[in-house]
Amino acid sequence: MANNTQVKDFLDAGVHFGHLTRKWDPNMAPYIYMERNGIHIINLYKTAAKLDEASAALRKIAASGRKVLFVATKKQAKDIVAQHAGDANMPYITERWPGGMLTNFVTIRKAVKKMALVDRMKKDGRYETLSKKERLQVDRMRAKLEKNLGSITEMTRMPAALFIVDTVREHIAVKEALKLGIPIFAMTDTNANPRDIDYVIPSNDDASKSIDIIVKTATEAIKAGLEDRKNEKNAAAEAKEMAKQAAKAPKEEKPAPVEAATQEEE
């Protein structure tokens, strides 16, 4: 049963406002409550239920030690996603989606390593041996890479899932994830097709307040998963230490068994 307080918060944030009825995708019909003044209204009870389902899955992914890549390149979502994903220590793309980000991940990793190479050059003095023109070119390359890929430097392997704001805009990311079988969590507005999305969160993906409340809830679930992982590691370390101490403890000598008399007294 959806939490009424949560639904009220969604209402205040404008999560229920969909697109114009003429722009809708019929596959979103199950998540639409009504039509008002030519605009579809999203059923917030279904939003709450779907968000709870998505949050539980995100928590499990985080607890397993894997990464969730957040994708949001639209203006009103960039800063919000960067803040919340960054707080949860998750990678994110808020600039242009680099083609082949997932399907050609090896090449993307090479580009990320170029940034690390420039940083090493500055530390070991090689940077100073370059000409002024070469240094300018290196700095420009480093700045461009930082802008587009700086937020994924810690993502050394393929993400376990994608969290997307506006699947219509980020259709290339959706296609790449589908091709590789990577689960997709997404805010899906009434103009989007939910059929290819693993975890649909029916919601307004245009208003900043709506984006903020949904993304914040998702990242809070991820933080909880990271805390679960930390607690599990601590418990395992304590159990290991206790076993180690028990192994070192001196063993008590067992008393010799009393032999039964074998002869009768004369």
Protein backbone atom coordinates (compact mmCIF):
# COMPACT_ATOMS: atom_id res chain seq x y z
CA MET A 1 0.00 0.00 0.00
CA ALA A 2 1.45 3.37 -1.01
CA ASN A 3 2.34 5.82 1.74
CA ASN A 4 -0.11 8.75 1.67
CA THR A 5 2.59 11.13 2.90
CA GLN A 6 4.84 10.05 0.03
CA VAL A 7 2.02 10.55 -2.47
CA LYS A 8 1.37 14.04 -1.06
CA ASP A 9 5.06 14.89 -1.47
CA PHE A 10 4.86 13.72 -5.09
CA LEU A 11 1.78 15.88 -5.60
CA ASP A 12 3.54 18.95 -4.19
CA ALA A 13 6.54 18.30 -6.47
CA GLY A 14 4.36 18.02 -9.58
CA VAL A 15 5.31 14.40 -10.25
CA HIS A 16 1.78 13.76 -11.54
CA PHE A 17 1.90 16.13 -14.52
CA GLY A 18 2.34 14.28 -17.80
CA HIS A 19 2.55 15.57 -21.38
CA LEU A 20 -0.19 16.79 -23.68
CA THR A 21 -2.64 14.01 -24.49
CA ARG A 22 -1.76 14.19 -28.22
CA LYS A 23 1.88 13.41 -27.39
CA TRP A 24 1.24 10.35 -25.26
CA ASP A 25 2.50 6.82 -25.79
CA PRO A 26 -0.43 4.35 -25.49
CA ASN A 27 1.81 1.91 -23.62
CA MET A 28 1.75 4.33 -20.67
CA ALA A 29 -2.03 3.92 -20.32
CA PRO A 30 -1.82 1.67 -17.20
CA TYR A 31 -0.01 4.44 -15.32
CA ILE A 32 -2.34 7.31 -16.30
CA TYR A 33 -5.05 8.32 -13.84
CA MET A 34 -7.00 10.83 -15.92
CA GLU A 35 -6.88 13.67 -18.44
CA ARG A 36 -7.26 17.27 -17.39
CA ASN A 37 -7.18 20.34 -19.65
CA GLY A 38 -5.52 18.38 -22.42
CA ILE A 39 -2.79 16.98 -20.14
CA HIS A 40 -2.46 13.43 -18.85
CA ILE A 41 -2.30 13.01 -15.08
CA ILE A 42 -0.08 10.21 -13.75
CA ASN A 43 -1.41 7.85 -11.05
CA LEU A 44 0.84 8.71 -8.09
CA TYR A 45 -0.07 5.57 -6.16
CA LYS A 46 1.42 3.56 -8.99
CA THR A 47 4.43 5.88 -9.01
CA ALA A 48 4.98 5.23 -5.31
CA ALA A 49 4.65 1.46 -5.73
CA LYS A 50 7.01 1.36 -8.70
CA LEU A 51 9.55 3.61 -6.95
CA ASP A 52 9.54 1.31 -3.90
CA GLU A 53 10.15 -1.67 -6.17
CA ALA A 54 12.99 0.12 -7.95
CA SER A 55 14.52 1.29 -4.66
CA ALA A 56 14.63 -2.26 -3.30
CA ALA A 57 16.43 -3.45 -6.45
CA LEU A 58 18.89 -0.52 -6.35
CA ARG A 59 19.67 -1.27 -2.71
CA LYS A 60 20.55 -4.86 -3.59
CA ILE A 61 22.81 -3.76 -6.44
CA ALA A 62 24.67 -1.32 -4.17
CA ALA A 63 24.98 -3.95 -1.42
CA SER A 64 26.65 -6.27 -3.93
CA GLY A 65 29.36 -3.68 -4.57
CA ARG A 66 28.35 -2.88 -8.16
CA LYS A 67 27.77 0.52 -9.74
CA VAL A 68 24.65 2.21 -11.10
CA LEU A 69 25.29 4.70 -13.91
CA PHE A 70 22.99 7.76 -13.80
CA VAL A 71 22.16 9.42 -17.12
CA ALA A 72 20.54 12.86 -17.45
CA THR A 73 21.70 15.37 -20.05
CA LYS A 74 18.69 17.72 -20.02
CA LYS A 75 19.33 21.13 -18.48
CA GLN A 76 16.88 20.89 -15.56
CA ALA A 77 18.22 17.48 -14.48
CA LYS A 78 22.01 17.90 -14.80
CA ASP A 79 22.84 19.52 -11.47
CA ILE A 80 20.30 17.46 -9.53
CA VAL A 81 21.64 14.14 -10.81
CA ALA A 82 25.27 15.22 -10.40
CA GLN A 83 24.62 16.16 -6.77
CA HIS A 84 22.67 13.08 -5.69
CA ALA A 85 24.68 10.53 -7.69
CA GLY A 86 27.90 12.12 -6.46
CA ASP A 87 26.72 11.95 -2.84
CA ALA A 88 26.00 8.24 -3.32
CA ASN A 89 29.44 7.71 -4.91
CA MET A 90 27.88 6.56 -8.17
CA PRO A 91 29.05 7.46 -11.73
CA TYR A 92 26.94 9.75 -13.87
CA ILE A 93 26.70 11.28 -17.34
CA THR A 94 25.24 14.79 -17.47
CA GLU A 95 26.89 16.05 -20.65
CA ARG A 96 26.43 14.55 -24.11
CA TRP A 97 26.10 10.76 -24.07
CA PRO A 98 29.32 9.47 -25.68
CA GLY A 99 28.39 7.01 -28.44
CA GLY A 100 29.62 3.54 -27.54
CA MET A 101 29.76 4.39 -23.84
CA LEU A 102 28.60 0.84 -23.09
CA THR A 103 29.00 -1.07 -26.36
CA ASN A 104 32.58 0.19 -26.80
CA PHE A 105 33.48 0.50 -23.13
CA VAL A 106 37.15 -0.41 -23.67
CA THR A 107 37.68 2.69 -25.84
CA ILE A 108 35.95 4.90 -23.27
CA ARG A 109 38.24 3.53 -20.56
CA LYS A 110 41.26 4.38 -22.70
CA ALA A 111 40.03 7.97 -22.92
CA VAL A 112 39.63 8.08 -19.13
CA LYS A 113 43.18 6.76 -18.72
CA LYS A 114 44.46 9.67 -20.83
CA MET A 115 43.38 12.01 -18.03
CA ALA A 116 45.37 9.98 -15.52
CA LEU A 117 48.38 10.06 -17.86
CA VAL A 118 48.30 13.87 -18.05
CA ASP A 119 48.07 14.06 -14.26
CA ARG A 120 51.12 11.78 -13.92
CA MET A 121 53.03 13.89 -16.44
CA LYS A 122 52.40 16.98 -14.32
CA LYS A 123 53.64 15.19 -11.20
CA ASP A 124 56.81 13.63 -12.61
CA GLY A 125 57.93 16.74 -14.56
CA ARG A 126 57.37 15.47 -18.10
CA TYR A 127 54.69 18.12 -18.61
CA GLU A 128 57.28 20.88 -18.15
CA THR A 129 59.45 19.47 -20.95
CA LEU A 130 56.68 20.10 -23.50
CA SER A 131 56.54 23.21 -25.60
CA LYS A 132 54.01 25.93 -24.81
CA LYS A 133 51.84 24.87 -27.76
CA GLU A 134 51.95 21.18 -26.73
CA ARG A 135 51.01 22.03 -23.15
CA LEU A 136 48.06 24.06 -24.40
CA GLN A 137 46.88 21.12 -26.51
CA VAL A 138 47.27 18.69 -23.60
CA ASP A 139 45.36 21.01 -21.25
CA ARG A 140 42.52 21.39 -23.74
CA MET A 141 42.30 17.64 -24.22
CA ARG A 142 42.32 17.10 -20.44
CA ALA A 143 39.59 19.71 -19.89
CA LYS A 144 37.37 18.20 -22.61
CA LEU A 145 37.75 14.69 -21.21
CA GLU A 146 37.10 15.93 -17.69
CA LYS A 147 33.89 17.63 -18.79
CA ASN A 148 32.50 14.58 -20.59
CA LEU A 149 33.99 11.66 -18.66
CA GLY A 150 35.31 13.05 -15.39
CA SER A 151 32.32 11.72 -13.47
CA ILE A 152 33.00 8.10 -14.50
CA THR A 153 36.72 7.87 -13.66
CA GLU A 154 35.98 5.41 -10.84
CA MET A 155 33.82 3.17 -13.04
CA THR A 156 36.45 0.61 -13.97
CA ARG A 157 33.96 -1.98 -15.22
CA MET A 158 30.57 -2.05 -16.88
CA PRO A 159 27.76 -0.72 -14.67
CA ALA A 160 25.29 -3.18 -13.20
CA ALA A 161 22.38 -0.92 -14.18
CA LEU A 162 21.41 2.44 -15.66
CA PHE A 163 19.17 5.04 -14.04
CA ILE A 164 17.81 7.32 -16.77
CA VAL A 165 15.90 10.59 -16.59
CA ASP A 166 13.86 10.93 -19.81
CA THR A 167 14.22 7.79 -21.92
CA VAL A 168 13.01 9.63 -25.03
CA ARG A 169 15.94 12.04 -24.91
CA GLU A 170 18.43 9.34 -23.84
CA HIS A 171 17.29 6.81 -26.46
CA ILE A 172 20.89 5.96 -27.45
CA ALA A 173 21.73 4.99 -23.85
CA VAL A 174 18.57 2.86 -23.76
CA LYS A 175 19.53 1.08 -26.99
CA GLU A 176 23.06 0.31 -25.77
CA ALA A 177 21.79 -1.03 -22.44
CA LEU A 178 19.21 -3.20 -24.20
CA LYS A 179 21.85 -4.58 -26.56
CA LEU A 180 24.05 -5.61 -23.63
CA GLY A 181 21.23 -6.77 -21.35
CA ILE A 182 21.92 -4.14 -18.70
CA PRO A 183 18.85 -3.44 -16.49
CA ILE A 184 17.30 0.01 -16.91
CA PHE A 185 15.70 2.07 -14.14
CA ALA A 186 13.98 5.14 -15.53
CA MET A 187 11.67 8.06 -14.92
CA THR A 188 9.12 7.53 -17.69
CA ASP A 189 6.77 10.35 -18.64
CA THR A 190 3.52 9.85 -20.56
CA ASN A 191 5.29 10.35 -23.90
CA ALA A 192 7.74 7.47 -23.31
CA ASN A 193 7.53 3.78 -24.14
CA PRO A 194 7.86 1.77 -20.91
CA ARG A 195 8.02 -1.63 -22.60
CA ASP A 196 11.83 -1.70 -22.84
CA ILE A 197 12.37 -0.46 -19.28
CA ASP A 198 13.00 -3.00 -16.52
CA TYR A 199 12.00 -0.70 -13.65
CA VAL A 200 9.47 1.90 -14.78
CA ILE A 201 8.94 4.91 -12.51
CA PRO A 202 5.98 6.80 -14.05
CA SER A 203 6.70 10.45 -13.34
CA ASN A 204 7.13 13.95 -14.69
CA ASP A 205 10.67 14.01 -16.12
CA ASP A 206 10.65 17.73 -17.02
CA ALA A 207 10.10 19.56 -13.71
CA SER A 208 13.19 19.96 -11.53
CA LYS A 209 11.25 19.32 -8.29
CA SER A 210 9.86 16.07 -9.67
CA ILE A 211 13.30 14.94 -10.85
CA ASP A 212 14.81 15.85 -7.50
CA ILE A 213 12.38 13.86 -5.35
CA ILE A 214 12.60 10.73 -7.52
CA VAL A 215 16.39 10.76 -7.95
CA LYS A 216 16.91 11.56 -4.27
CA THR A 217 14.77 8.58 -3.24
CA ALA A 218 16.71 6.31 -5.59
CA THR A 219 20.11 7.45 -4.30
CA GLU A 220 18.96 7.12 -0.68
CA ALA A 221 18.23 3.46 -1.45
CA ILE A 222 21.71 3.10 -2.92
CA LYS A 223 23.26 4.68 0.18
CA ALA A 224 21.34 2.19 2.33
CA GLY A 225 22.72 -0.64 0.19
CA LEU A 226 26.27 0.67 0.63
CA GLU A 227 25.70 0.80 4.38
CA ASP A 228 24.43 -2.81 4.30
CA ARG A 229 27.62 -3.82 2.50
CA LYS A 230 29.77 -1.99 5.04
CA ASN A 231 27.99 -3.63 7.98
CA GLU A 232 28.30 -7.04 6.34
CA LYS A 233 32.03 -6.56 5.86
CA ASN A 234 32.47 -5.43 9.47
CA ALA A 235 30.51 -8.44 10.75
CA ALA A 236 32.62 -10.78 8.62
CA ALA A 237 35.84 -9.15 9.89
CA GLU A 238 34.69 -9.51 13.51
CA ALA A 239 33.77 -13.16 12.97
CA LYS A 240 37.17 -13.80 11.39
CA GLU A 241 38.96 -12.10 14.28
CA MET A 242 36.98 -14.10 16.85
CA ALA A 243 37.84 -17.34 15.05
CA LYS A 244 41.49 -16.30 15.00
CA GLN A 245 41.49 -15.57 18.73
CA ALA A 246 39.74 -18.86 19.46
CA ALA A 247 42.39 -20.74 17.50
CA LYS A 248 45.16 -19.06 19.54
CA ALA A 249 43.56 -19.83 22.92
CA PRO A 250 45.24 -22.71 24.87
CA LYS A 251 43.29 -25.92 24.73
CA GLU A 252 42.17 -27.49 28.04
CA GLU A 253 43.71 -30.85 28.79
CA LYS A 254 41.16 -33.61 29.03
CA PRO A 255 41.41 -35.87 32.14
CA ALA A 256 42.64 -39.40 31.48
CA PRO A 257 39.80 -41.93 31.39
CA VAL A 258 39.39 -44.01 34.54
CA GLU A 259 40.16 -47.65 33.79
CA ALA A 260 37.63 -50.11 35.01
CA ALA A 261 38.90 -52.80 37.36
CA THR A 262 39.51 -55.99 35.48
CA GLN A 263 40.06 -58.26 38.42
CA GLU A 264 37.91 -59.05 41.41
CA GLU A 265 39.35 -58.40 44.83
CA GLU A 266 40.35 -61.53 46.59
